[in-house]
């Protein structure tokens, strides 16, 4: 979704109303297809609209209170498509604190480890990912955060991992109860697939936003910043592709 007011491909960091929407493919994607199947968007009021239907972008824009257009994935060479839109604040620190949901007394995350292209582009050109294609988390991190923030509902949907690992007691107790934060630079083998674990994920305002039956929860973000060094989960990329199924055993290597 492109913001036609300020420019740039936008997500819920900038347009939190997106968390009240959902989308699904109308048919299962097939390997080798030249394009993805049509998608259906469910708006906050429950109305469903095909993303490729006339007027779909207008309906989404009205739900979000801005003007948007809807786009399929564009080639990596179309740099203008991926270029960052205008900031909401002239002061860079104010802008970053708004995006990451940081209070004045809290540190901003160290962005020097991120791919340099994300400072010029909303996502690495050729993708619609924030910084990496995959996010891996453990159930240990969720349990630890629930203990540290007992008034929160620590729901996995707030963190949006692609892969959630069920770890043993020894692993769960490592690294202060946040084991995957220390895995950056290693590899995860799942059946015949291998994932390169690249960078621990600094969490932003997204985990505090309300959606579905979950309320706004700033306390959870405060806990992650204070107790986990701002981090929860680890980014990953596919080093060797393969089929992955729920319940597969995994092995941490390298």
Protein backbone atom coordinates (compact mmCIF):
# COMPACT_ATOMS: atom_id res chain seq x y z
CA UNK A 1 0.00 0.00 0.00
CA UNK A 2 1.44 3.34 -1.05
CA UNK A 3 0.73 6.54 0.85
CA UNK A 4 -0.22 9.08 -1.81
CA UNK A 5 -0.08 11.99 0.65
CA UNK A 6 3.49 11.63 1.89
CA UNK A 7 4.73 8.99 -0.53
CA UNK A 8 6.30 5.64 0.22
CA UNK A 9 5.07 2.10 0.78
CA UNK A 10 3.49 2.21 4.24
CA UNK A 11 2.67 -0.21 7.00
CA UNK A 12 1.01 0.08 10.39
CA UNK A 13 3.95 1.92 11.93
CA UNK A 14 2.71 4.95 10.03
CA UNK A 15 -0.94 4.00 9.52
CA UNK A 16 -1.98 2.04 12.63
CA UNK A 17 -5.50 1.61 11.30
CA UNK A 18 -4.09 -1.12 9.06
CA UNK A 19 -4.03 -3.35 12.15
CA UNK A 20 -7.83 -3.32 12.03
CA UNK A 21 -7.75 -4.72 8.47
CA UNK A 22 -6.79 -8.17 7.26
CA UNK A 23 -6.06 -9.79 3.92
CA UNK A 24 -5.95 -13.25 2.40
CA UNK A 25 -5.32 -14.89 -0.94
CA UNK A 26 -8.50 -16.03 -2.68
CA UNK A 27 -6.66 -19.13 -3.82
CA UNK A 28 -3.45 -20.84 -2.76
CA UNK A 29 -0.31 -19.42 -4.43
CA UNK A 30 1.45 -21.88 -6.72
CA UNK A 31 5.19 -22.28 -7.13
CA UNK A 32 6.49 -20.93 -10.42
CA UNK A 33 3.43 -18.78 -11.13
CA UNK A 34 4.16 -15.51 -12.91
CA UNK A 35 2.11 -13.54 -10.38
CA UNK A 36 0.41 -14.00 -7.03
CA UNK A 37 -3.32 -14.82 -6.95
CA UNK A 38 -5.86 -12.12 -6.17
CA UNK A 39 -6.11 -10.92 -2.58
CA UNK A 40 -9.20 -10.00 -0.58
CA UNK A 41 -9.06 -7.24 2.04
CA UNK A 42 -11.38 -7.15 5.04
CA UNK A 43 -11.95 -3.57 6.25
CA UNK A 44 -12.53 -2.55 9.89
CA UNK A 45 -16.31 -2.51 9.38
CA UNK A 46 -16.24 -6.07 8.02
CA UNK A 47 -16.67 -5.17 4.34
CA UNK A 48 -14.60 -7.35 2.01
CA UNK A 49 -13.09 -6.06 -1.20
CA UNK A 50 -10.78 -7.59 -3.79
CA UNK A 51 -7.50 -5.70 -3.94
CA UNK A 52 -7.71 -5.57 -7.73
CA UNK A 53 -11.34 -4.36 -7.83
CA UNK A 54 -12.12 -0.83 -9.07
CA UNK A 55 -12.34 1.53 -6.11
CA UNK A 56 -10.56 -0.83 -3.68
CA UNK A 57 -7.83 1.68 -2.88
CA UNK A 58 -10.41 4.40 -2.23
CA UNK A 59 -12.24 2.17 0.25
CA UNK A 60 -9.01 1.30 2.08
CA UNK A 61 -7.99 4.96 2.11
CA UNK A 62 -11.30 6.06 3.61
CA UNK A 63 -10.93 3.43 6.34
CA UNK A 64 -7.46 4.75 7.15
CA UNK A 65 -8.23 8.42 6.78
CA UNK A 66 -5.74 9.09 3.98
CA UNK A 67 -5.26 8.59 0.24
CA UNK A 68 -3.58 5.35 -0.82
CA UNK A 69 -2.99 3.13 -3.83
CA UNK A 70 -2.58 -0.64 -3.84
CA UNK A 71 0.34 -2.27 -5.64
CA UNK A 72 1.61 -5.71 -6.56
CA UNK A 73 5.31 -6.32 -5.95
CA UNK A 74 7.41 -4.15 -8.25
CA UNK A 75 10.87 -4.95 -9.72
CA UNK A 76 13.89 -4.12 -7.59
CA UNK A 77 15.01 -1.74 -10.34
CA UNK A 78 12.01 0.55 -9.73
CA UNK A 79 13.82 2.49 -7.02
CA UNK A 80 11.37 5.40 -6.95
CA UNK A 81 8.59 2.99 -5.98
CA UNK A 82 10.50 1.86 -2.89
CA UNK A 83 11.99 5.22 -1.91
CA UNK A 84 11.03 6.54 1.53
CA UNK A 85 8.19 9.00 1.77
CA UNK A 86 8.32 12.30 3.62
CA UNK A 87 8.82 12.07 7.36
CA UNK A 88 6.07 13.18 9.72
CA UNK A 89 8.57 15.25 11.74
CA UNK A 90 11.45 17.49 10.71
CA UNK A 91 13.45 16.38 13.75
CA UNK A 92 14.94 12.93 13.04
CA UNK A 93 14.98 11.92 16.70
CA UNK A 94 11.30 12.81 17.09
CA UNK A 95 10.51 10.81 13.96
CA UNK A 96 12.42 7.74 15.16
CA UNK A 97 10.89 7.89 18.63
CA UNK A 98 7.43 7.93 17.08
CA UNK A 99 8.19 4.97 14.79
CA UNK A 100 9.79 2.90 17.54
CA UNK A 101 7.42 4.05 20.27
CA UNK A 102 10.27 5.19 22.54
CA UNK A 103 9.78 7.56 25.43
CA UNK A 104 12.27 10.41 25.93
CA UNK A 105 14.02 8.53 28.73
CA UNK A 106 14.48 5.37 26.61
CA UNK A 107 17.33 4.72 24.19
CA UNK A 108 16.71 4.41 20.49
CA UNK A 109 17.79 1.12 18.91
CA UNK A 110 21.19 0.80 17.27
CA UNK A 111 20.39 1.09 13.57
CA UNK A 112 23.99 0.80 12.38
CA UNK A 113 23.65 -2.98 12.00
CA UNK A 114 20.75 -2.72 9.58
CA UNK A 115 21.15 -2.98 5.79
CA UNK A 116 22.05 0.52 4.56
CA UNK A 117 19.31 0.52 1.91
CA UNK A 118 16.56 0.76 4.52
CA UNK A 119 17.59 4.34 5.26
CA UNK A 120 16.81 5.36 1.68
CA UNK A 121 14.00 2.92 0.91
CA UNK A 122 10.90 1.86 2.83
CA UNK A 123 11.93 -1.76 2.25
CA UNK A 124 14.83 -3.47 0.46
CA UNK A 125 13.95 -2.90 -3.23
CA UNK A 126 12.16 -5.88 -4.72
CA UNK A 127 10.51 -6.75 -1.39
CA UNK A 128 7.84 -5.43 0.97
CA UNK A 129 9.69 -6.50 4.12
CA UNK A 130 10.82 -3.97 6.74
CA UNK A 131 14.37 -5.29 6.94
CA UNK A 132 14.44 -9.06 6.43
CA UNK A 133 12.14 -11.70 4.90
CA UNK A 134 11.71 -13.84 8.03
CA UNK A 135 11.42 -13.49 11.80
CA UNK A 136 12.13 -16.36 14.21
CA UNK A 137 10.98 -16.33 17.86
CA UNK A 138 10.86 -18.80 20.72
CA UNK A 139 7.99 -19.58 23.05
CA UNK A 140 10.46 -18.89 25.87
CA UNK A 141 10.54 -15.20 24.97
CA UNK A 142 6.75 -14.99 25.05
CA UNK A 143 6.61 -16.70 28.46
CA UNK A 144 9.35 -14.47 29.86
CA UNK A 145 7.60 -11.31 28.70
CA UNK A 146 4.32 -12.49 30.21
CA UNK A 147 6.10 -12.98 33.55
CA UNK A 148 7.71 -9.55 33.36
CA UNK A 149 4.53 -7.79 32.20
CA UNK A 150 1.73 -9.61 34.03
CA UNK A 151 -0.96 -7.07 33.15
CA UNK A 152 -0.30 -7.59 29.42
CA UNK A 153 -1.72 -10.21 27.11
CA UNK A 154 1.47 -11.45 25.47
CA UNK A 155 -0.09 -12.85 22.33
CA UNK A 156 2.18 -14.20 19.58
CA UNK A 157 0.16 -12.23 17.02
CA UNK A 158 1.59 -8.99 18.40
CA UNK A 159 5.08 -10.11 17.36
CA UNK A 160 4.22 -11.64 13.95
CA UNK A 161 6.99 -14.28 13.70
CA UNK A 162 7.13 -16.51 10.64
CA UNK A 163 8.52 -19.34 12.76
CA UNK A 164 7.80 -19.92 16.45
CA UNK A 165 10.09 -22.45 18.14
CA UNK A 166 9.17 -24.57 21.14
CA UNK A 167 12.44 -24.82 23.08
CA UNK A 168 13.57 -27.02 25.96
CA UNK A 169 14.03 -25.77 29.53
CA UNK A 170 17.79 -25.34 29.21
CA UNK A 171 17.52 -23.25 26.07
CA UNK A 172 14.60 -21.27 27.51
CA UNK A 173 16.69 -20.23 30.52
CA UNK A 174 19.63 -19.01 28.43
CA UNK A 175 20.37 -15.35 27.74
CA UNK A 176 18.07 -14.15 30.51
CA UNK A 177 15.06 -15.99 29.10
CA UNK A 178 15.38 -14.47 25.61
CA UNK A 179 17.44 -17.19 23.91
CA UNK A 180 17.08 -16.25 20.25
CA UNK A 181 18.54 -12.77 20.77
CA UNK A 182 21.99 -14.40 21.04
CA UNK A 183 21.60 -16.49 17.87
CA UNK A 184 22.43 -13.81 15.30
CA UNK A 185 25.23 -15.05 13.05
CA UNK A 186 24.22 -18.71 13.41
CA UNK A 187 22.05 -20.98 11.27
CA UNK A 188 18.84 -22.85 11.89
CA UNK A 189 18.22 -26.14 10.11
CA UNK A 190 14.60 -27.22 9.68
CA UNK A 191 14.38 -30.52 7.78
CA UNK A 192 16.28 -29.79 4.56
CA UNK A 193 15.88 -26.00 4.81
CA UNK A 194 18.58 -23.77 6.31
CA UNK A 195 17.95 -20.26 7.62
CA UNK A 196 20.72 -17.75 8.23
CA UNK A 197 19.93 -15.83 11.43
CA UNK A 198 21.09 -12.30 10.74
CA UNK A 199 20.12 -9.74 13.38
CA UNK A 200 18.18 -9.55 16.63
CA UNK A 201 14.96 -7.62 16.05
CA UNK A 202 14.47 -4.27 17.85
CA UNK A 203 10.77 -3.98 18.52
CA UNK A 204 8.81 -0.91 17.55
CA UNK A 205 5.40 0.61 18.26
CA UNK A 206 3.71 -2.25 16.35
CA UNK A 207 3.64 -4.63 19.34
CA UNK A 208 1.65 -2.09 21.34
CA UNK A 209 -1.09 -1.37 18.79
CA UNK A 210 -4.67 -2.58 19.29
CA UNK A 211 -6.16 -5.12 16.86
CA UNK A 212 -8.77 -7.87 16.89
CA UNK A 213 -9.68 -8.35 20.59
CA UNK A 214 -6.29 -7.10 21.83
CA UNK A 215 -6.19 -3.59 23.37
CA UNK A 216 -3.47 -1.01 23.06
CA UNK A 217 -0.62 -2.06 25.36
CA UNK A 218 2.26 0.37 25.83
CA UNK A 219 3.36 -1.50 28.97
CA UNK A 220 4.47 -4.47 26.87
CA UNK A 221 6.75 -2.30 24.76
CA UNK A 222 8.14 -0.66 27.90
CA UNK A 223 8.97 -4.16 29.21
CA UNK A 224 10.75 -5.20 26.00
CA UNK A 225 12.83 -2.02 26.01
CA UNK A 226 13.71 -2.26 29.70
CA UNK A 227 14.17 -6.00 30.21
CA UNK A 228 15.22 -7.36 26.80
CA UNK A 229 17.44 -4.56 25.52
CA UNK A 230 14.65 -3.56 23.08
CA UNK A 231 14.94 -6.93 21.29
CA UNK A 232 12.56 -9.85 20.75
CA UNK A 233 13.07 -12.39 17.98
CA UNK A 234 15.78 -12.66 15.35
CA UNK A 235 15.64 -11.79 11.67
CA UNK A 236 16.48 -14.51 9.16
CA UNK A 237 16.87 -15.17 5.45
CA UNK A 238 16.63 -18.42 3.52
CA UNK A 239 20.06 -19.83 2.81
CA UNK A 240 18.83 -23.19 1.52
CA UNK A 241 15.15 -23.55 0.59
CA UNK A 242 13.07 -26.51 1.65
CA UNK A 243 9.66 -27.56 2.91
CA UNK A 244 8.89 -26.66 6.53
CA UNK A 245 5.96 -28.08 8.49
CA UNK A 246 4.45 -27.45 11.92
CA UNK A 247 6.09 -29.79 14.42
CA UNK A 248 9.36 -30.23 12.50
CA UNK A 249 12.47 -30.65 14.67
CA UNK A 250 15.01 -27.84 14.35
CA UNK A 251 18.75 -27.68 14.91
CA UNK A 252 20.83 -24.62 15.71
CA UNK A 253 24.15 -24.88 13.86
CA UNK A 254 27.19 -22.77 13.06
